C-alpha atoms as a PDB file:
ATOM      1  CA  UNK A   1     -13.001  16.986  -3.080  1.00  0.00           C
ATOM      2  CA  UNK A   2     -12.082  14.467  -0.395  1.00  0.00           C
ATOM      3  CA  UNK A   3      -8.544  14.651   1.007  1.00  0.00           C
ATOM      4  CA  UNK A   4      -6.851  11.274   1.407  1.00  0.00           C
ATOM      5  CA  UNK A   5      -3.591   9.949   2.664  1.00  0.00           C
ATOM      6  CA  UNK A   6      -1.232   8.290   0.196  1.00  0.00           C
ATOM      7  CA  UNK A   7       0.142   4.789   0.615  1.00  0.00           C
ATOM      8  CA  UNK A   8       2.201   2.301  -1.358  1.00  0.00           C
ATOM      9  CA  UNK A   9       0.731  -1.188  -1.044  1.00  0.00           C
ATOM     10  CA  UNK A  10       3.304  -3.949  -1.509  1.00  0.00           C
ATOM     11  CA  UNK A  11       3.572  -7.718  -1.872  1.00  0.00           C
ATOM     12  CA  UNK A  12       5.856 -10.391  -3.287  1.00  0.00           C
ATOM     13  CA  UNK A  13       5.482 -12.455  -6.458  1.00  0.00           C
ATOM     14  CA  UNK A  14       5.982 -16.228  -6.235  1.00  0.00           C
ATOM     15  CA  UNK A  15       9.560 -15.759  -7.495  1.00  0.00           C
ATOM     16  CA  UNK A  16      10.284 -13.347  -4.614  1.00  0.00           C
ATOM     17  CA  UNK A  17      10.191 -10.180  -6.724  1.00  0.00           C
ATOM     18  CA  UNK A  18       8.727  -7.168  -4.894  1.00  0.00           C
ATOM     19  CA  UNK A  19       5.702  -5.399  -6.347  1.00  0.00           C
ATOM     20  CA  UNK A  20       3.850  -2.309  -5.240  1.00  0.00           C
ATOM     21  CA  UNK A  21       1.496   0.433  -6.303  1.00  0.00           C
ATOM     22  CA  UNK A  22       0.424   3.817  -5.060  1.00  0.00           C
ATOM     23  CA  UNK A  23      -3.078   3.982  -3.740  1.00  0.00           C
ATOM     24  CA  UNK A  24      -5.429   6.090  -1.764  1.00  0.00           C
ATOM     25  CA  UNK A  25      -8.271   3.551  -1.828  1.00  0.00           C
ATOM     26  CA  UNK A  26      -7.258   2.233   1.580  1.00  0.00           C
ATOM     27  CA  UNK A  27      -9.131   2.408   4.859  1.00  0.00           C
ATOM     28  CA  UNK A  28      -9.452   0.966   8.309  1.00  0.00           C
ATOM     29  CA  UNK A  29     -12.360  -1.454   8.373  1.00  0.00           C
ATOM     30  CA  UNK A  30     -12.535  -2.927  11.884  1.00  0.00           C
ATOM     31  CA  UNK A  31     -10.808  -2.625  15.232  1.00  0.00           C
ATOM     32  CA  UNK A  32     -11.708  -6.102  16.488  1.00  0.00           C
ATOM     33  CA  UNK A  33     -10.308  -7.941  14.691  1.00  0.00           C
ATOM     34  CA  UNK A  34      -7.987  -5.287  13.224  1.00  0.00           C
ATOM     35  CA  UNK A  35      -8.961  -5.208   9.526  1.00  0.00           C
ATOM     36  CA  UNK A  36      -8.059  -2.891   6.662  1.00  0.00           C
ATOM     37  CA  UNK A  37      -9.133  -2.858   3.044  1.00  0.00           C
ATOM     38  CA  UNK A  38      -7.494  -1.922  -0.209  1.00  0.00           C
ATOM     39  CA  UNK A  39      -9.076  -1.810  -3.653  1.00  0.00           C
ATOM     40  CA  UNK A  40      -7.029  -2.696  -6.734  1.00  0.00           C
ATOM     41  CA  UNK A  41      -8.263  -2.238 -10.309  1.00  0.00           C
ATOM     42  CA  UNK A  42      -8.996  -5.501 -12.105  1.00  0.00           C
ATOM     43  CA  UNK A  43      -6.729  -4.437 -14.987  1.00  0.00           C
ATOM     44  CA  UNK A  44      -3.731  -3.806 -12.706  1.00  0.00           C
ATOM     45  CA  UNK A  45      -0.851  -6.010 -13.878  1.00  0.00           C
ATOM     46  CA  UNK A  46       0.135  -6.679 -10.246  1.00  0.00           C
ATOM     47  CA  UNK A  47      -3.299  -7.785  -9.006  1.00  0.00           C
ATOM     48  CA  UNK A  48      -2.508 -11.491  -9.410  1.00  0.00           C
ATOM     49  CA  UNK A  49       0.526 -11.171  -7.141  1.00  0.00           C
ATOM     50  CA  UNK A  50      -1.579  -9.548  -4.419  1.00  0.00           C
ATOM     51  CA  UNK A  51      -4.273 -12.204  -4.713  1.00  0.00           C
ATOM     52  CA  UNK A  52      -1.910 -15.180  -4.689  1.00  0.00           C
ATOM     53  CA  UNK A  53       0.597 -14.113  -2.030  1.00  0.00           C
ATOM     54  CA  UNK A  54      -1.801 -14.185   0.908  1.00  0.00           C
ATOM     55  CA  UNK A  55      -0.275 -11.058   2.414  1.00  0.00           C
ATOM     56  CA  UNK A  56       0.403  -7.399   1.720  1.00  0.00           C
ATOM     57  CA  UNK A  57       1.755  -4.321   3.460  1.00  0.00           C
ATOM     58  CA  UNK A  58       0.385  -0.790   3.507  1.00  0.00           C
ATOM     59  CA  UNK A  59       3.220   1.758   3.592  1.00  0.00           C
ATOM     60  CA  UNK A  60       1.689   5.116   4.568  1.00  0.00           C
ATOM     61  CA  UNK A  61       3.857   7.812   3.007  1.00  0.00           C
ATOM     62  CA  UNK A  62       5.102  10.903   4.785  1.00  0.00           C
ATOM     63  CA  UNK A  63       5.082  14.360   3.204  1.00  0.00           C
ATOM     64  CA  UNK A  64       8.709  14.019   2.049  1.00  0.00           C
ATOM     65  CA  UNK A  65       7.944  10.874   0.000  1.00  0.00           C
ATOM     66  CA  UNK A  66       6.073  12.454  -2.907  1.00  0.00           C
ATOM     67  CA  UNK A  67       8.682  10.994  -5.286  1.00  0.00           C
ATOM     68  CA  UNK A  68       7.832   7.467  -4.081  1.00  0.00           C
ATOM     69  CA  UNK A  69       4.148   8.103  -4.658  1.00  0.00           C
ATOM     70  CA  UNK A  70       4.880   9.159  -8.243  1.00  0.00           C
ATOM     71  CA  UNK A  71       7.334   6.292  -8.815  1.00  0.00           C
ATOM     72  CA  UNK A  72       4.882   3.591  -7.718  1.00  0.00           C
ATOM     73  CA  UNK A  73       2.038   5.215  -9.674  1.00  0.00           C
ATOM     74  CA  UNK A  74       3.821   5.857 -12.960  1.00  0.00           C
ATOM     75  CA  UNK A  75       6.708   3.475 -13.633  1.00  0.00           C
ATOM     76  CA  UNK A  76       5.613   0.341 -15.487  1.00  0.00           C
ATOM     77  CA  UNK A  77       8.681  -1.610 -14.285  1.00  0.00           C
ATOM     78  CA  UNK A  78      11.557  -1.140 -11.871  1.00  0.00           C
ATOM     79  CA  UNK A  79       9.511   0.557  -9.194  1.00  0.00           C
ATOM     80  CA  UNK A  80      11.768  -0.731  -6.405  1.00  0.00           C
ATOM     81  CA  UNK A  81      15.050   0.284  -8.104  1.00  0.00           C
ATOM     82  CA  UNK A  82      16.899   2.538  -5.687  1.00  0.00           C
ATOM     83  CA  UNK A  83      14.174   2.311  -3.021  1.00  0.00           C
ATOM     84  CA  UNK A  84      15.348   1.308   0.458  1.00  0.00           C
ATOM     85  CA  UNK A  85      13.106  -1.446   1.775  1.00  0.00           C
ATOM     86  CA  UNK A  86      13.189  -4.639   3.809  1.00  0.00           C
ATOM     87  CA  UNK A  87      11.052  -7.743   4.076  1.00  0.00           C
ATOM     88  CA  UNK A  88       8.348  -7.795   6.708  1.00  0.00           C
ATOM     89  CA  UNK A  89       7.550 -10.871   8.791  1.00  0.00           C
ATOM     90  CA  UNK A  90       5.452 -12.428   5.990  1.00  0.00           C
ATOM     91  CA  UNK A  91       7.761 -11.125   3.273  1.00  0.00           C
ATOM     92  CA  UNK A  92       5.905  -8.067   2.059  1.00  0.00           C
ATOM     93  CA  UNK A  93       8.246  -5.156   1.268  1.00  0.00           C
ATOM     94  CA  UNK A  94       8.350  -2.473   3.962  1.00  0.00           C
ATOM     95  CA  UNK A  95       9.533   0.910   2.700  1.00  0.00           C
ATOM     96  CA  UNK A  96      12.053   2.645   4.927  1.00  0.00           C
ATOM     97  CA  UNK A  97      10.990   6.057   6.176  1.00  0.00           C
ATOM     98  CA  UNK A  98       7.266   5.453   5.795  1.00  0.00           C
ATOM     99  CA  UNK A  99       5.068   7.285   8.274  1.00  0.00           C
ATOM    100  CA  UNK A 100       3.443   3.975   9.207  1.00  0.00           C
ATOM    101  CA  UNK A 101       3.495   0.395   7.968  1.00  0.00           C
ATOM    102  CA  UNK A 102       0.707  -2.135   8.410  1.00  0.00           C
ATOM    103  CA  UNK A 103       1.527  -5.752   7.587  1.00  0.00           C
ATOM    104  CA  UNK A 104      -1.558  -7.753   6.681  1.00  0.00           C
ATOM    105  CA  UNK A 105      -2.681 -11.320   6.097  1.00  0.00           C
ATOM    106  CA  UNK A 106      -5.318 -11.426   3.356  1.00  0.00           C
ATOM    107  CA  UNK A 107      -8.531 -12.811   4.840  1.00  0.00           C
ATOM    108  CA  UNK A 108     -11.033 -12.043   2.076  1.00  0.00           C
ATOM    109  CA  UNK A 109     -11.081 -10.948  -1.569  1.00  0.00           C
ATOM    110  CA  UNK A 110     -14.239  -9.740  -3.294  1.00  0.00           C
ATOM    111  CA  UNK A 111     -15.418  -8.062  -6.460  1.00  0.00           C
ATOM    112  CA  UNK A 112     -16.530  -4.433  -6.379  1.00  0.00           C
ATOM    113  CA  UNK A 113     -17.235  -2.925  -9.787  1.00  0.00           C
ATOM    114  CA  UNK A 114     -14.018  -2.709 -11.795  1.00  0.00           C
ATOM    115  CA  UNK A 115     -11.894  -3.392  -8.693  1.00  0.00           C
ATOM    116  CA  UNK A 116     -11.017  -6.298  -6.421  1.00  0.00           C
ATOM    117  CA  UNK A 117     -11.204  -5.530  -2.725  1.00  0.00           C
ATOM    118  CA  UNK A 118      -8.655  -7.177  -0.470  1.00  0.00           C
ATOM    119  CA  UNK A 119      -9.433  -7.300   3.216  1.00  0.00           C
ATOM    120  CA  UNK A 120      -6.409  -7.841   5.380  1.00  0.00           C
ATOM    121  CA  UNK A 121      -5.999  -8.581   9.054  1.00  0.00           C
ATOM    122  CA  UNK A 122      -3.238  -6.474  10.541  1.00  0.00           C
ATOM    123  CA  UNK A 123      -0.502  -8.737  11.903  1.00  0.00           C
ATOM    124  CA  UNK A 124       2.109  -6.070  12.679  1.00  0.00           C
ATOM    125  CA  UNK A 125       2.210  -2.286  12.782  1.00  0.00           C
ATOM    126  CA  UNK A 126       5.119   0.150  12.820  1.00  0.00           C
ATOM    127  CA  UNK A 127       4.684   3.874  13.405  1.00  0.00           C
ATOM    128  CA  UNK A 128       7.321   6.384  12.350  1.00  0.00           C
ATOM    129  CA  UNK A 129       7.498  10.111  12.756  1.00  0.00           C
ATOM    130  CA  UNK A 130       6.543  12.971  10.500  1.00  0.00           C
ATOM    131  CA  UNK A 131       3.538  14.328   8.717  1.00  0.00           C
ATOM    132  CA  UNK A 132       1.403  12.509   6.135  1.00  0.00           C
ATOM    133  CA  UNK A 133       1.484  12.977   2.392  1.00  0.00           C
ATOM    134  CA  UNK A 134      -2.008  14.146   1.436  1.00  0.00           C
ATOM    135  CA  UNK A 135      -3.759  14.089  -1.941  1.00  0.00           C
ATOM    136  CA  UNK A 136      -6.559  16.597  -2.609  1.00  0.00           C
ATOM    137  CA  UNK A 137      -8.046  18.268  -5.692  1.00  0.00           C
ATOM    138  CA  UNK A 138      -5.854  16.299  -8.129  1.00  0.00           C
ATOM    139  CA  UNK A 139      -2.646  17.289  -6.358  1.00  0.00           C
ATOM    140  CA  UNK A 140      -0.456  16.780  -3.323  1.00  0.00           C
ATOM    141  CA  UNK A 141      -0.856  18.840  -0.222  1.00  0.00           C
ATOM    142  CA  UNK A 142      -0.069  18.768   3.426  1.00  0.00           C
ATOM    143  CA  UNK A 143      -1.573  19.502   6.761  1.00  0.00           C
ATOM    144  CA  UNK A 144      -1.446  23.109   7.887  1.00  0.00           C
END
């Protein structure tokens, strides 16, 4: 019963392959320094890539990107097939058309129950236009 925004968090594997997953366990943590946090389940097959890369990007989805949210939540492989993206300054994939993108350097990783929490310092921010994709009551919604 808590509405959240929807984001795709992305990083690169050591071989340069892009990886990402849909998440709403993302939040702003601090303004000075600018910190954000994401929580990734310990059993996520991509967790190791996020932990070893040293960087990640948070791609905040707009209301027209529901298909991307589903793609990055459901497909076991090939999540980036057909998705328009580019490398950020540190290499993390930045999804074109996102409402906002926050590039982060990982500064701390910690255990929290069945998740690993990654704290990232924002190194670059891009803000697009549009309205956010919102998740509430087990479904997508929007702002009225």
